[in-house]
Amino acid sequence: MTLPPFHLAFPVHDLDAARRFYGGLLGCPEGRSSEQWIDFDFFGHQIVAHLDPAMQARPHHNEVDGAHVPVPHFGAVLGMAEWRALAERLEAEGAEFVIAPAVRFAGQPGEQATMFFLDPSGNALEIKAMADPANLFAK
C-alpha cells in the first residue's frame, strides 16, 4: 500500500527546542523555515512546527490495551527494523517515554510495536510498527 504524504501543522512554544527535538533527536531533515515556523520531513511526511509562545499542552488520556494513551497525538508507522533502531536511539539518549516501547494487541490482527513520548512543547507523538503491515487497518 502506497500512501501519499500527509501534512500536519502544530504549535510549539520554542522553535529552537523543536529544531533540536525533531531535527536532532528524531533525525527529521529540516525543510523551509522562517522566524515563525519550521518544516520537517517526518518519515516522508510534512510536519510544520508553528511558533506559539503561549502554547499550553492539553493533557488527556484514553485507555488503549491497558495503557493510558495521550490525546491528541500524532506519529508515524515505520518498518519494524526502523522502529527498533529509533526506540534504541531514544532510549540511549535518555528520552522520557509516556508509554515505553512495547508490543500491544499481541496475537491479534492489529499487533504492533509502539512507543509514546512528548516533544519539548508537550505535543504527544506515537511511533509504531505493525507486526504485519498489511493489517494496519484490519478490524
N, C-alpha and C. Protein backbone atom coordinates (compact mmCIF):
# COMPACT_ATOMS: atom_id res chain seq x y z
N MET A 1 0.86 -1.17 0.00
CA MET A 1 0.00 0.00 0.00
C MET A 1 0.90 1.24 0.00
N THR A 2 0.67 2.11 -0.95
CA THR A 2 1.41 3.36 -1.01
C THR A 2 0.47 4.49 -0.65
N LEU A 3 0.84 5.25 0.35
CA LEU A 3 0.01 6.36 0.79
C LEU A 3 0.70 7.67 0.45
N PRO A 4 -0.08 8.69 0.08
CA PRO A 4 0.55 10.00 -0.15
C PRO A 4 0.98 10.59 1.19
N PRO A 5 1.98 11.46 1.17
CA PRO A 5 2.40 12.08 2.42
C PRO A 5 1.30 12.96 3.00
N PHE A 6 1.22 12.99 4.32
CA PHE A 6 0.26 13.90 4.96
C PHE A 6 0.99 15.17 5.36
N HIS A 7 0.21 16.19 5.71
CA HIS A 7 0.72 17.47 6.18
C HIS A 7 0.06 17.76 7.51
N LEU A 8 0.86 18.14 8.50
CA LEU A 8 0.34 18.49 9.81
C LEU A 8 1.06 19.72 10.31
N ALA A 9 0.30 20.74 10.67
CA ALA A 9 0.83 21.95 11.30
C ALA A 9 0.40 21.91 12.77
N PHE A 10 1.35 22.20 13.67
CA PHE A 10 1.05 22.10 15.09
C PHE A 10 1.84 23.17 15.85
N PRO A 11 1.36 23.55 17.04
CA PRO A 11 2.02 24.62 17.79
C PRO A 11 3.20 24.10 18.63
N VAL A 12 4.20 24.95 18.75
CA VAL A 12 5.32 24.71 19.67
C VAL A 12 5.61 26.03 20.39
N HIS A 13 6.12 25.95 21.60
CA HIS A 13 6.40 27.17 22.36
C HIS A 13 7.79 27.72 22.07
N ASP A 14 8.67 26.92 21.42
CA ASP A 14 10.06 27.31 21.21
C ASP A 14 10.58 26.63 19.94
N LEU A 15 10.89 27.40 18.90
CA LEU A 15 11.35 26.82 17.65
C LEU A 15 12.73 26.18 17.77
N ASP A 16 13.62 26.75 18.57
CA ASP A 16 14.94 26.14 18.73
C ASP A 16 14.83 24.77 19.39
N ALA A 17 13.96 24.65 20.39
CA ALA A 17 13.75 23.36 21.04
C ALA A 17 13.13 22.37 20.06
N ALA A 18 12.20 22.83 19.24
CA ALA A 18 11.60 21.96 18.22
C ALA A 18 12.65 21.50 17.22
N ARG A 19 13.53 22.40 16.82
CA ARG A 19 14.60 22.06 15.87
C ARG A 19 15.53 20.98 16.47
N ARG A 20 15.88 21.13 17.74
CA ARG A 20 16.74 20.13 18.39
C ARG A 20 16.04 18.78 18.51
N PHE A 21 14.75 18.82 18.84
CA PHE A 21 13.99 17.58 19.04
C PHE A 21 13.72 16.86 17.72
N TYR A 22 13.05 17.55 16.79
CA TYR A 22 12.66 16.90 15.53
C TYR A 22 13.86 16.69 14.60
N GLY A 23 14.70 17.71 14.46
CA GLY A 23 15.85 17.59 13.58
C GLY A 23 16.98 16.79 14.20
N GLY A 24 17.28 17.07 15.47
CA GLY A 24 18.40 16.40 16.13
C GLY A 24 18.05 15.02 16.64
N LEU A 25 17.18 14.94 17.64
CA LEU A 25 16.87 13.66 18.28
C LEU A 25 16.19 12.68 17.34
N LEU A 26 15.14 13.13 16.63
CA LEU A 26 14.42 12.22 15.74
C LEU A 26 15.08 12.08 14.38
N GLY A 27 15.98 12.99 14.02
CA GLY A 27 16.67 12.88 12.74
C GLY A 27 15.83 13.27 11.54
N CYS A 28 14.84 14.14 11.74
CA CYS A 28 13.98 14.58 10.64
C CYS A 28 14.65 15.74 9.91
N PRO A 29 14.93 15.59 8.61
CA PRO A 29 15.55 16.69 7.87
C PRO A 29 14.66 17.94 7.89
N GLU A 30 15.31 19.09 8.02
CA GLU A 30 14.59 20.36 8.03
C GLU A 30 14.38 20.85 6.60
N GLY A 31 13.21 21.39 6.35
CA GLY A 31 12.91 22.00 5.06
C GLY A 31 12.93 23.51 5.19
N ARG A 32 11.92 24.14 4.63
CA ARG A 32 11.82 25.60 4.70
C ARG A 32 11.55 26.04 6.13
N SER A 33 11.88 27.30 6.42
CA SER A 33 11.59 27.81 7.75
C SER A 33 11.54 29.33 7.71
N SER A 34 11.02 29.90 8.77
CA SER A 34 11.00 31.35 8.96
C SER A 34 11.19 31.59 10.45
N GLU A 35 11.00 32.80 10.89
CA GLU A 35 11.06 33.09 12.33
C GLU A 35 9.82 32.60 13.07
N GLN A 36 8.82 32.12 12.32
CA GLN A 36 7.55 31.70 12.92
C GLN A 36 7.25 30.21 12.76
N TRP A 37 7.98 29.50 11.89
CA TRP A 37 7.67 28.09 11.64
C TRP A 37 8.87 27.36 11.04
N ILE A 38 8.84 26.02 11.14
CA ILE A 38 9.86 25.16 10.55
C ILE A 38 9.17 23.93 9.96
N ASP A 39 9.50 23.62 8.70
CA ASP A 39 9.07 22.37 8.06
C ASP A 39 10.05 21.26 8.40
N PHE A 40 9.53 20.06 8.64
CA PHE A 40 10.37 18.88 8.83
C PHE A 40 9.85 17.74 7.96
N ASP A 41 10.78 16.93 7.46
CA ASP A 41 10.45 15.69 6.77
C ASP A 41 10.32 14.62 7.85
N PHE A 42 9.10 14.33 8.24
CA PHE A 42 8.79 13.41 9.33
C PHE A 42 8.51 12.03 8.73
N PHE A 43 9.58 11.29 8.47
CA PHE A 43 9.46 9.95 7.91
C PHE A 43 8.67 9.96 6.60
N GLY A 44 8.97 10.94 5.75
CA GLY A 44 8.31 11.05 4.45
C GLY A 44 7.07 11.92 4.44
N HIS A 45 6.72 12.49 5.57
CA HIS A 45 5.53 13.35 5.67
C HIS A 45 5.96 14.74 6.08
N GLN A 46 5.15 15.73 5.76
CA GLN A 46 5.49 17.11 6.07
C GLN A 46 4.79 17.55 7.34
N ILE A 47 5.59 17.86 8.36
CA ILE A 47 5.04 18.46 9.57
C ILE A 47 5.64 19.86 9.69
N VAL A 48 4.85 20.76 10.24
CA VAL A 48 5.29 22.15 10.37
C VAL A 48 5.07 22.60 11.81
N ALA A 49 6.17 22.90 12.49
CA ALA A 49 6.12 23.42 13.85
C ALA A 49 5.93 24.93 13.76
N HIS A 50 4.78 25.42 14.24
CA HIS A 50 4.46 26.85 14.22
C HIS A 50 4.65 27.43 15.62
N LEU A 51 5.33 28.55 15.71
CA LEU A 51 5.59 29.19 16.99
C LEU A 51 4.32 29.74 17.61
N ASP A 52 4.09 29.33 18.85
CA ASP A 52 3.02 29.86 19.69
C ASP A 52 3.61 29.94 21.10
N PRO A 53 4.24 31.09 21.44
CA PRO A 53 4.92 31.19 22.74
C PRO A 53 4.02 30.91 23.93
N ALA A 54 2.71 31.09 23.78
CA ALA A 54 1.78 30.85 24.89
C ALA A 54 1.19 29.45 24.84
N MET A 55 1.70 28.60 23.97
CA MET A 55 1.15 27.26 23.79
C MET A 55 1.12 26.49 25.10
N GLN A 56 0.01 25.84 25.36
CA GLN A 56 -0.16 25.02 26.56
C GLN A 56 -0.46 23.59 26.13
N ALA A 57 0.20 22.63 26.73
CA ALA A 57 -0.11 21.23 26.46
C ALA A 57 -1.52 20.93 26.96
N ARG A 58 -2.19 20.00 26.31
CA ARG A 58 -3.54 19.61 26.69
C ARG A 58 -3.52 18.17 27.17
N PRO A 59 -3.16 17.93 28.41
CA PRO A 59 -3.04 16.55 28.87
C PRO A 59 -4.40 15.86 29.00
N HIS A 60 -4.58 14.81 28.24
CA HIS A 60 -5.76 13.96 28.33
C HIS A 60 -5.32 12.57 27.90
N HIS A 61 -5.91 11.54 28.47
CA HIS A 61 -5.53 10.17 28.13
C HIS A 61 -6.77 9.31 27.96
N ASN A 62 -6.71 8.36 27.05
CA ASN A 62 -7.73 7.32 26.90
C ASN A 62 -7.04 5.98 27.08
N GLU A 63 -7.75 5.02 27.68
CA GLU A 63 -7.15 3.70 27.85
C GLU A 63 -7.23 2.92 26.55
N VAL A 64 -6.08 2.37 26.15
CA VAL A 64 -5.98 1.51 24.96
C VAL A 64 -5.13 0.32 25.35
N ASP A 65 -5.71 -0.87 25.31
CA ASP A 65 -5.00 -2.11 25.62
C ASP A 65 -4.25 -2.00 26.95
N GLY A 66 -4.89 -1.40 27.95
CA GLY A 66 -4.32 -1.31 29.28
C GLY A 66 -3.36 -0.16 29.51
N ALA A 67 -3.11 0.67 28.50
CA ALA A 67 -2.18 1.81 28.65
C ALA A 67 -2.97 3.11 28.54
N HIS A 68 -2.46 4.16 29.16
CA HIS A 68 -3.09 5.48 29.11
C HIS A 68 -2.46 6.28 27.97
N VAL A 69 -3.14 6.28 26.84
CA VAL A 69 -2.65 6.90 25.61
C VAL A 69 -2.97 8.39 25.61
N PRO A 70 -1.95 9.25 25.38
CA PRO A 70 -2.21 10.68 25.35
C PRO A 70 -3.01 11.09 24.12
N VAL A 71 -3.97 11.99 24.34
CA VAL A 71 -4.83 12.50 23.27
C VAL A 71 -4.84 14.01 23.38
N PRO A 72 -4.61 14.74 22.28
CA PRO A 72 -4.29 14.25 20.94
C PRO A 72 -2.84 13.80 20.84
N HIS A 73 -2.56 13.05 19.77
CA HIS A 73 -1.19 12.69 19.43
C HIS A 73 -1.10 12.49 17.92
N PHE A 74 0.13 12.53 17.41
CA PHE A 74 0.36 12.21 16.01
C PHE A 74 1.62 11.38 15.94
N GLY A 75 1.89 10.80 14.78
CA GLY A 75 3.08 9.97 14.68
C GLY A 75 3.26 9.39 13.31
N ALA A 76 3.98 8.27 13.28
CA ALA A 76 4.29 7.61 12.03
C ALA A 76 4.27 6.10 12.25
N VAL A 77 4.01 5.38 11.16
CA VAL A 77 4.10 3.93 11.16
C VAL A 77 5.35 3.57 10.37
N LEU A 78 6.31 2.98 11.05
CA LEU A 78 7.59 2.63 10.44
C LEU A 78 7.67 1.12 10.21
N GLY A 79 8.68 0.70 9.48
CA GLY A 79 9.00 -0.71 9.40
C GLY A 79 9.56 -1.15 10.75
N MET A 80 9.48 -2.43 11.06
CA MET A 80 9.89 -2.92 12.38
C MET A 80 11.36 -2.63 12.66
N ALA A 81 12.25 -2.82 11.69
CA ALA A 81 13.68 -2.56 11.93
C ALA A 81 13.92 -1.08 12.20
N GLU A 82 13.25 -0.20 11.45
CA GLU A 82 13.40 1.24 11.65
C GLU A 82 12.84 1.65 13.01
N TRP A 83 11.72 1.04 13.41
CA TRP A 83 11.12 1.32 14.72
C TRP A 83 12.08 0.93 15.84
N ARG A 84 12.64 -0.28 15.74
CA ARG A 84 13.59 -0.74 16.78
C ARG A 84 14.79 0.19 16.87
N ALA A 85 15.33 0.60 15.71
CA ALA A 85 16.50 1.48 15.72
C ALA A 85 16.17 2.81 16.39
N LEU A 86 14.99 3.37 16.10
CA LEU A 86 14.59 4.64 16.72
C LEU A 86 14.38 4.45 18.22
N ALA A 87 13.72 3.37 18.62
CA ALA A 87 13.50 3.10 20.05
C ALA A 87 14.83 3.00 20.78
N GLU A 88 15.79 2.31 20.19
CA GLU A 88 17.11 2.18 20.81
C GLU A 88 17.81 3.53 20.90
N ARG A 89 17.70 4.36 19.85
CA ARG A 89 18.33 5.68 19.87
C ARG A 89 17.70 6.56 20.95
N LEU A 90 16.36 6.54 21.04
CA LEU A 90 15.68 7.35 22.05
C LEU A 90 16.06 6.88 23.46
N GLU A 91 16.11 5.58 23.67
CA GLU A 91 16.50 5.05 24.98
C GLU A 91 17.93 5.45 25.31
N ALA A 92 18.83 5.35 24.34
CA ALA A 92 20.24 5.72 24.56
C ALA A 92 20.40 7.20 24.88
N GLU A 93 19.51 8.04 24.32
CA GLU A 93 19.56 9.48 24.58
C GLU A 93 18.85 9.86 25.86
N GLY A 94 18.26 8.89 26.53
CA GLY A 94 17.58 9.16 27.79
C GLY A 94 16.21 9.79 27.63
N ALA A 95 15.56 9.56 26.49
CA ALA A 95 14.23 10.12 26.25
C ALA A 95 13.26 9.62 27.33
N GLU A 96 12.36 10.51 27.72
CA GLU A 96 11.31 10.13 28.68
C GLU A 96 10.09 9.69 27.88
N PHE A 97 9.65 8.49 28.13
CA PHE A 97 8.50 7.94 27.42
C PHE A 97 7.23 8.12 28.24
N VAL A 98 6.15 8.45 27.57
CA VAL A 98 4.83 8.42 28.19
C VAL A 98 4.42 6.95 28.29
N ILE A 99 4.66 6.21 27.20
CA ILE A 99 4.50 4.76 27.16
C ILE A 99 5.77 4.21 26.52
N ALA A 100 6.51 3.43 27.28
CA ALA A 100 7.79 2.88 26.81
C ALA A 100 7.58 1.94 25.63
N PRO A 101 8.61 1.77 24.81
CA PRO A 101 8.49 0.84 23.67
C PRO A 101 8.00 -0.53 24.13
N ALA A 102 6.95 -1.00 23.46
CA ALA A 102 6.32 -2.27 23.83
C ALA A 102 5.47 -2.76 22.66
N VAL A 103 5.00 -3.99 22.79
CA VAL A 103 4.07 -4.58 21.81
C VAL A 103 2.69 -4.58 22.44
N ARG A 104 1.69 -4.15 21.67
CA ARG A 104 0.31 -4.23 22.15
C ARG A 104 -0.53 -4.99 21.14
N PHE A 105 -1.69 -5.43 21.59
CA PHE A 105 -2.61 -6.26 20.80
C PHE A 105 -1.92 -7.54 20.33
N ALA A 106 -1.06 -8.11 21.18
CA ALA A 106 -0.30 -9.32 20.82
C ALA A 106 -1.24 -10.43 20.38
N GLY A 107 -0.87 -11.06 19.28
CA GLY A 107 -1.63 -12.18 18.75
C GLY A 107 -2.89 -11.80 18.00
N GLN A 108 -3.19 -10.51 17.91
CA GLN A 108 -4.37 -10.04 17.20
C GLN A 108 -3.96 -9.44 15.86
N PRO A 109 -4.92 -9.25 14.93
CA PRO A 109 -4.54 -8.66 13.63
C PRO A 109 -3.85 -7.30 13.77
N GLY A 110 -4.17 -6.54 14.80
CA GLY A 110 -3.58 -5.21 14.99
C GLY A 110 -2.30 -5.22 15.80
N GLU A 111 -1.65 -6.38 15.97
CA GLU A 111 -0.43 -6.44 16.78
C GLU A 111 0.59 -5.43 16.26
N GLN A 112 1.13 -4.65 17.20
CA GLN A 112 2.03 -3.56 16.82
C GLN A 112 3.02 -3.25 17.93
N ALA A 113 4.19 -2.82 17.51
CA ALA A 113 5.16 -2.25 18.44
C ALA A 113 4.85 -0.76 18.50
N THR A 114 4.88 -0.18 19.69
CA THR A 114 4.51 1.22 19.82
C THR A 114 5.29 1.89 20.94
N MET A 115 5.40 3.19 20.85
CA MET A 115 6.01 4.00 21.92
C MET A 115 5.42 5.39 21.82
N PHE A 116 5.27 6.03 22.96
CA PHE A 116 4.74 7.39 23.05
C PHE A 116 5.73 8.25 23.82
N PHE A 117 5.91 9.47 23.36
CA PHE A 117 6.76 10.44 24.05
C PHE A 117 6.28 11.83 23.70
N LEU A 118 6.77 12.83 24.42
CA LEU A 118 6.36 14.22 24.22
C LEU A 118 7.50 15.01 23.60
N ASP A 119 7.16 15.99 22.77
CA ASP A 119 8.18 16.93 22.31
C ASP A 119 8.36 18.00 23.39
N PRO A 120 9.30 18.91 23.24
CA PRO A 120 9.54 19.91 24.29
C PRO A 120 8.35 20.82 24.60
N SER A 121 7.38 20.90 23.68
CA SER A 121 6.19 21.71 23.92
C SER A 121 5.03 20.91 24.49
N GLY A 122 5.24 19.63 24.72
CA GLY A 122 4.18 18.79 25.27
C GLY A 122 3.30 18.13 24.24
N ASN A 123 3.63 18.25 22.94
CA ASN A 123 2.89 17.54 21.90
C ASN A 123 3.23 16.06 22.00
N ALA A 124 2.21 15.21 22.02
CA ALA A 124 2.41 13.77 22.14
C ALA A 124 2.61 13.14 20.77
N LEU A 125 3.59 12.25 20.68
CA LEU A 125 3.87 11.51 19.46
C LEU A 125 3.80 10.02 19.73
N GLU A 126 3.29 9.28 18.76
CA GLU A 126 3.32 7.83 18.79
C GLU A 126 4.06 7.36 17.55
N ILE A 127 5.03 6.50 17.75
CA ILE A 127 5.71 5.85 16.64
C ILE A 127 5.41 4.37 16.78
N LYS A 128 4.92 3.77 15.71
CA LYS A 128 4.54 2.37 15.77
C LYS A 128 5.07 1.62 14.57
N ALA A 129 5.05 0.30 14.67
CA ALA A 129 5.37 -0.60 13.57
C ALA A 129 4.43 -1.79 13.69
N MET A 130 3.84 -2.19 12.60
CA MET A 130 2.91 -3.30 12.61
C MET A 130 3.66 -4.62 12.47
N ALA A 131 3.21 -5.65 13.23
CA ALA A 131 3.77 -6.99 13.07
C ALA A 131 3.56 -7.44 11.63
N ASP A 132 2.38 -7.15 11.07
CA ASP A 132 2.07 -7.42 9.67
C ASP A 132 1.55 -6.11 9.08
N PRO A 133 2.38 -5.40 8.31
CA PRO A 133 1.96 -4.09 7.78
C PRO A 133 0.64 -4.11 7.01
N ALA A 134 0.28 -5.26 6.45
CA ALA A 134 -0.98 -5.35 5.71
C ALA A 134 -2.18 -5.22 6.65
N ASN A 135 -1.96 -5.35 7.95
CA ASN A 135 -3.05 -5.25 8.93
C ASN A 135 -3.21 -3.88 9.55
N LEU A 136 -2.61 -2.87 8.96
CA LEU A 136 -2.70 -1.51 9.53
C LEU A 136 -4.15 -1.11 9.80
N PHE A 137 -5.06 -1.43 8.90
CA PHE A 137 -6.47 -1.04 9.04
C PHE A 137 -7.38 -2.23 9.32
N ALA A 138 -6.80 -3.38 9.67
CA ALA A 138 -7.60 -4.58 9.93
C ALA A 138 -8.46 -4.40 11.17
N LYS A 139 -9.64 -4.98 11.15
CA LYS A 139 -10.55 -4.93 12.30
C LYS A 139 -10.33 -6.14 13.18
